[in-house]
Protein backbone atom coordinates (compact mmCIF):
# COMPACT_ATOMS: atom_id res chain seq x y z
CA MET A 1 102.95 119.17 146.56
CA GLY A 2 100.08 117.85 144.51
CA LEU A 3 96.82 115.95 144.78
CA LEU A 4 95.64 113.28 142.35
CA PHE A 5 92.05 112.01 142.30
CA LEU A 6 90.96 109.09 140.13
CA ALA A 7 87.42 107.98 139.37
CA SER A 8 85.77 106.04 136.57
CA ALA A 9 82.29 106.27 135.08
CA GLY A 10 81.24 104.52 131.90
CA PHE A 11 83.54 105.46 129.05
CA TYR A 12 85.52 107.99 131.04
CA ILE A 13 88.37 108.08 133.51
CA VAL A 14 88.80 111.44 135.19
CA PHE A 15 91.96 112.80 136.72
CA ILE A 16 91.95 116.01 138.70
CA VAL A 17 95.46 117.31 139.26
CA LEU A 18 96.17 120.18 141.60
CA SER A 19 99.71 121.44 141.73
CA SER A 20 101.45 124.36 143.35
CA SER A 21 104.92 123.53 142.12
CA SER A 22 106.63 125.40 139.33
CA ILE A 23 108.41 123.41 136.63
CA ASP A 24 111.10 124.49 134.20
CA TRP A 25 109.45 122.81 131.22
CA ARG A 26 112.00 124.25 128.78
CA GLY A 27 114.92 122.74 130.70
CA SER A 28 117.38 120.14 129.41
CA TYR A 29 116.91 116.41 129.79
CA THR A 30 119.25 113.44 129.96
CA TRP A 31 119.23 110.88 127.17
CA SER A 32 120.94 107.50 127.35
CA THR A 33 120.88 104.09 125.69
CA VAL A 34 121.18 100.72 127.37
CA ASP A 35 122.33 97.62 125.45
CA ASN A 36 121.46 99.34 122.15
CA SER A 37 117.79 99.31 123.11
CA ILE A 38 115.74 102.37 123.81
CA ALA A 39 115.46 102.95 127.52
CA VAL A 40 115.66 106.60 126.72
CA GLY A 41 113.67 109.75 127.13
CA HIS A 42 111.76 108.64 130.21
CA ASP A 43 112.46 111.96 131.90
CA TYR A 44 111.65 113.94 128.78
CA PHE A 45 108.65 112.03 127.46
CA LEU A 46 107.17 111.33 130.88
CA TRP A 47 107.32 114.98 131.84
CA ARG A 48 104.10 116.99 131.78
CA ASN A 49 103.28 120.59 132.63
CA ASP A 50 101.39 119.83 135.84
CA GLY A 51 98.74 122.40 136.59
CA SER A 52 98.36 123.51 132.99
CA CYS A 53 95.13 121.52 132.73
CA HIS A 54 93.20 121.20 135.99
CA LEU A 55 90.66 118.68 134.75
CA TYR A 56 91.19 116.04 132.10
CA PHE A 57 89.45 112.82 131.15
CA GLU A 58 90.80 109.74 129.46
CA PHE A 59 88.16 108.81 126.89
CA GLY A 60 87.81 105.21 125.72
CA GLY A 61 90.17 102.33 126.34
CA HIS A 62 89.93 98.60 126.98
CA VAL A 63 91.42 96.40 129.69
CA TYR A 64 94.03 94.01 128.30
CA ARG A 65 95.79 91.16 130.10
CA ASP A 66 99.12 89.54 129.28
CA GLU A 67 97.99 85.96 128.82
CA ASN A 68 101.61 84.80 128.45
CA GLU A 69 102.51 85.96 131.96
CA THR A 70 101.77 82.82 134.01
CA GLU A 71 103.70 83.96 137.07
CA ASN A 72 101.64 87.10 137.59
CA LEU A 73 98.00 86.79 136.59
CA THR A 74 97.33 90.39 137.60
CA LEU A 75 99.55 91.79 134.84
CA ALA A 76 96.93 93.85 133.01
CA GLY A 77 96.35 97.39 131.90
CA ILE A 78 94.12 99.76 129.96
CA ASP A 79 95.06 100.76 126.42
CA GLY A 80 93.44 102.78 123.65
CA GLN A 81 92.32 105.75 125.76
CA LYS A 82 93.24 109.37 124.99
CA SER A 83 93.40 112.32 127.38
CA VAL A 84 91.23 115.38 126.72
CA CYS A 85 91.51 118.61 128.71
CA LEU A 86 88.10 119.80 129.89
CA ASP A 87 89.12 123.15 131.36
CA PRO A 88 86.89 126.11 130.38
CA GLY A 89 87.94 127.45 127.00
CA LEU A 90 89.65 124.19 126.06
CA ALA A 91 86.93 121.60 126.52
CA PRO A 92 85.26 120.47 123.29
CA PRO A 93 81.74 121.97 123.34
CA PRO A 94 79.22 119.09 123.24
CA GLY A 95 77.01 119.25 120.18
CA MET A 96 79.45 121.47 118.27
CA CYS A 97 82.84 119.74 118.54
CA VAL A 98 84.83 118.04 115.79
CA VAL A 99 87.26 115.18 116.39
CA TYR A 100 89.70 113.71 113.84
CA SER A 101 91.03 110.25 114.72
CA PHE A 102 93.82 108.60 112.73
CA GLY A 103 94.59 104.96 113.46
CA LEU A 104 91.97 102.57 114.86
CA SER A 105 93.16 98.96 114.60
CA ASP A 106 90.44 96.92 116.32
CA ASP A 107 89.71 99.49 119.01
CA ARG A 108 87.03 102.13 118.43
CA SER A 109 86.40 102.91 122.11
CA PHE A 110 87.84 106.44 121.95
CA GLU A 111 85.75 107.32 118.92
CA SER A 112 82.60 105.92 120.54
CA ALA A 113 83.27 107.82 123.77
CA MET A 114 83.80 111.12 121.97
CA ALA A 115 80.62 110.57 119.95
CA GLU A 116 78.69 109.89 123.15
CA TYR A 117 80.20 113.05 124.64
CA GLY A 118 78.64 114.95 121.74
CA CYS A 119 81.33 115.39 119.08
CA ASP A 120 81.21 114.65 115.38
CA VAL A 121 83.97 112.10 114.91
CA TYR A 122 85.86 111.53 111.66
CA ALA A 123 87.79 108.26 111.93
CA PHE A 124 90.49 107.28 109.43
CA ASP A 125 92.31 104.00 108.86
CA PRO A 126 93.52 102.87 105.42
CA SER A 127 93.88 99.23 106.48
CA PHE A 128 90.12 98.69 106.92
CA GLN A 129 87.13 98.57 104.64
CA PHE A 130 84.49 100.52 106.51
CA SER A 131 81.62 100.04 104.06
CA ASN A 132 80.37 96.96 105.92
CA MET A 133 81.31 98.15 109.41
CA PRO A 134 78.37 98.62 111.81
CA ASN A 135 78.14 102.17 113.10
CA ASN A 136 77.14 102.51 116.74
CA SER A 137 76.65 106.26 116.43
CA GLN A 138 75.39 108.61 113.76
CA ARG A 139 78.15 110.98 114.87
CA ILE A 140 80.99 108.66 113.70
CA ASN A 141 82.12 108.82 110.07
CA TYR A 142 84.63 106.24 108.84
CA PHE A 143 87.11 106.70 105.99
CA ASP A 144 89.63 104.23 104.51
CA ILE A 145 92.25 106.97 104.23
CA GLY A 146 95.53 107.26 106.09
CA LEU A 147 97.35 110.37 107.34
CA GLY A 148 100.53 110.99 105.37
CA THR A 149 102.90 113.59 104.00
CA MET A 150 101.54 113.45 100.44
CA ASN A 151 98.40 112.47 98.58
CA THR A 152 98.44 109.08 96.90
CA LYS A 153 95.76 106.60 95.86
CA ASN A 154 98.02 103.60 96.29
CA ASP A 155 101.20 103.63 98.39
CA SER A 156 103.61 100.71 98.80
CA ARG A 157 101.07 99.00 101.08
CA GLY A 158 98.18 99.61 98.70
CA TRP A 159 96.69 102.30 100.95
CA LYS A 160 95.16 105.64 100.09
CA MET A 161 97.02 108.38 101.96
CA ALA A 162 96.46 112.12 102.24
CA THR A 163 97.77 115.13 104.13
CA LEU A 164 95.77 116.72 106.92
CA THR A 165 95.25 119.85 104.81
CA SER A 166 93.83 117.78 101.92
CA ILE A 167 91.54 115.81 104.22
CA ARG A 168 90.17 119.00 105.75
CA LYS A 169 89.48 120.37 102.27
CA TYR A 170 87.84 117.08 101.33
CA LEU A 171 85.50 117.35 104.32
CA LEU A 172 84.94 121.09 103.76
CA HIS A 173 86.59 121.79 107.12
CA SER A 174 89.33 124.13 105.96
CA TYR A 175 87.80 126.98 107.96
CA ARG A 176 86.49 124.89 110.82
CA PRO A 177 88.54 124.28 114.00
CA ILE A 178 89.38 120.74 115.05
CA ASP A 179 88.67 120.34 118.76
CA TYR A 180 90.75 117.18 119.12
CA LEU A 181 93.22 115.48 116.80
CA LYS A 182 94.16 111.89 117.67
CA ILE A 183 97.20 110.36 115.95
CA ASP A 184 98.02 106.69 116.63
CA ILE A 185 99.77 105.47 113.49
CA GLU A 186 102.53 103.19 114.80
CA GLY A 187 105.70 105.21 114.21
CA GLU A 188 104.60 107.23 111.19
CA GLU A 189 103.62 110.08 113.51
CA TRP A 190 107.11 111.62 113.31
CA HIS A 191 107.00 112.08 109.53
CA VAL A 192 103.49 113.51 109.75
CA LEU A 193 104.39 115.85 112.61
CA ASP A 194 107.46 117.09 110.75
CA HIS A 195 105.31 117.77 107.68
CA MET A 196 102.66 119.63 109.67
CA LEU A 197 105.28 121.77 111.42
CA GLN A 198 106.79 122.72 108.06
CA ASP A 199 103.34 123.39 106.63
CA GLY A 200 102.79 126.23 109.08
CA ARG A 201 99.00 126.13 108.73
CA SER A 202 97.90 122.60 109.64
CA LEU A 203 98.35 123.06 113.39
CA ARG A 204 96.90 126.56 113.61
CA PHE A 205 93.23 125.59 113.96
CA ILE A 206 93.67 122.55 116.20
CA LYS A 207 92.66 122.99 119.82
CA GLN A 208 94.10 119.75 121.30
CA ILE A 209 96.30 116.91 120.08
CA GLY A 210 96.80 113.40 121.47
CA ILE A 211 99.62 111.32 119.97
CA GLU A 212 101.09 107.93 120.79
CA VAL A 213 104.77 108.49 120.02
CA HIS A 214 107.17 105.64 119.32
CA LEU A 215 110.93 105.79 119.92
CA LEU A 216 111.76 103.22 117.29
CA ASP A 217 115.38 104.02 116.43
CA SER A 218 118.00 104.99 118.99
CA TYR A 219 119.99 106.97 116.41
CA ARG A 220 116.97 109.22 115.81
CA LEU A 221 116.35 110.16 119.43
CA HIS A 222 117.46 113.75 118.94
CA TYR A 223 115.16 113.99 115.93
CA TYR A 224 112.20 112.83 118.04
CA ARG A 225 113.00 115.28 120.79
CA ASN A 226 113.57 118.13 118.32
CA LEU A 227 110.15 117.64 116.72
CA THR A 228 108.47 117.56 120.12
CA GLN A 229 110.27 120.73 121.17
CA ARG A 230 109.29 122.46 117.93
CA LEU A 231 105.64 121.57 118.52
CA GLU A 232 105.81 122.96 122.05
CA ALA A 233 107.70 126.06 120.94
CA SER A 234 104.85 126.76 118.51
CA GLY A 235 102.41 127.12 121.41
CA TYR A 236 101.35 123.59 122.34
CA VAL A 237 101.47 122.85 126.08
CA ARG A 238 101.92 119.24 127.17
CA PHE A 239 99.31 118.56 129.86
CA PHE A 240 99.47 114.75 129.87
CA SER A 241 102.07 112.01 129.46
CA ARG A 242 102.48 108.37 130.36
CA GLN A 243 104.31 105.33 129.09
CA ASN A 244 102.30 102.78 127.14
CA ARG A 245 101.49 99.83 129.42
CA TRP A 246 102.51 97.30 126.81
CA LYS A 247 105.37 99.00 124.95
CA THR A 248 108.56 100.22 126.61
CA ASN A 249 109.34 102.52 123.68
CA ALA A 250 105.91 104.15 123.30
CA TYR A 251 104.41 107.11 125.14
CA GLU A 252 100.97 108.71 125.20
CA LEU A 253 101.25 112.51 125.06
CA ALA A 254 98.59 115.21 124.88
CA TRP A 255 98.83 118.97 124.29
CA PHE A 256 96.53 121.97 124.05
CA ASN A 257 97.16 124.95 121.81
CA VAL A 258 97.60 128.21 123.75
CA ASN A 259 97.46 130.18 120.49
CA TYR A 260 94.05 128.81 119.57
CA SER A 261 91.27 131.33 119.60
CA SER A 262 87.90 131.39 117.88
CA LYS A 263 84.72 133.35 118.55
CA SER A 264 82.69 130.43 117.29
CA GLN A 265 83.23 126.79 116.41
CA VAL A 266 82.20 127.38 112.81
CA ALA A 267 84.49 129.90 111.17
CA ILE A 268 83.33 132.52 108.69
CA ARG A 269 84.69 132.29 105.19
CA ALA A 270 86.08 135.26 103.31
CA ASP A 271 82.83 135.46 101.32
CA GLY A 272 80.82 135.82 104.53
CA ARG A 273 79.23 132.37 104.51
CA LYS A 274 79.54 129.83 107.27
CA GLU A 275 81.22 126.69 106.10
CA ASP A 276 78.33 124.59 107.41
CA ASP A 277 76.17 126.24 104.75
CA MET A 278 78.18 124.36 102.13
CA MET A 279 77.70 120.94 103.76
CA VAL A 280 74.07 120.50 102.68
CA ASN A 281 73.62 118.01 99.80
CA TYR A 282 77.29 118.33 98.89
CA LYS A 283 79.16 115.41 97.39
CA PHE A 284 82.69 115.15 98.74
CA PRO A 285 85.29 115.88 96.04
CA PRO A 286 88.10 113.36 95.53
CA ILE A 287 91.23 113.85 97.63
CA VAL A 288 93.60 112.68 94.89
């Protein structure tokens, strides 16, 4: 049995989930295809470890309406929000937290909400020129860089791309934990996740991850599931899942890292200095 409570206030939607049931979250799941389209993985990708996070908020989001649906004018939904666990020990500490956000499109509601919460937000999207973009918060920093599996100044789309490790070095965050990592990069998340899992270091200092996953190719379903299982086998617990309101083959998933531990939000370097000491009057080095 469980109890679900929903309330909204400003930027935030809060869900409190109480559960007494036990779930075999390492069990097997049924996969199937219908008419060569992906109607697959609902059981697997909609599953969450209920009770693992007792309090989570969905930060950001906008209400969208399907203007083409003339028969049902109430066909609407919220999109763009990301779930953050606020349990003690997992909640980003306001005033000290760091958020990395990859993929913005025309929606910066999540970034604005996290900045209002009290986090320093580093937002990345290679398809935009941020130099002329108005900034509604001094805590949001925009970069025209995309998250990829290698560093390049100009990929086939003309975008600058970099790995997570390189971006953290660029921002002098190599020794600083990331409280929340948002990845919403329209199908490229699988390549990036595979690269980070092989890296062995990228995921170590991340406290929570929110990813919109896309099941784009039916013949790669086992690959998608395998990567998700590898992430969870490494210590990430899935506390949230739902299907995207507007895409039948997209799911919003969120995890927290049970292996994460840090005595402070700013790590100490091998030479004894805090990394923040190096941020003063420092010009960022080039990524590539």
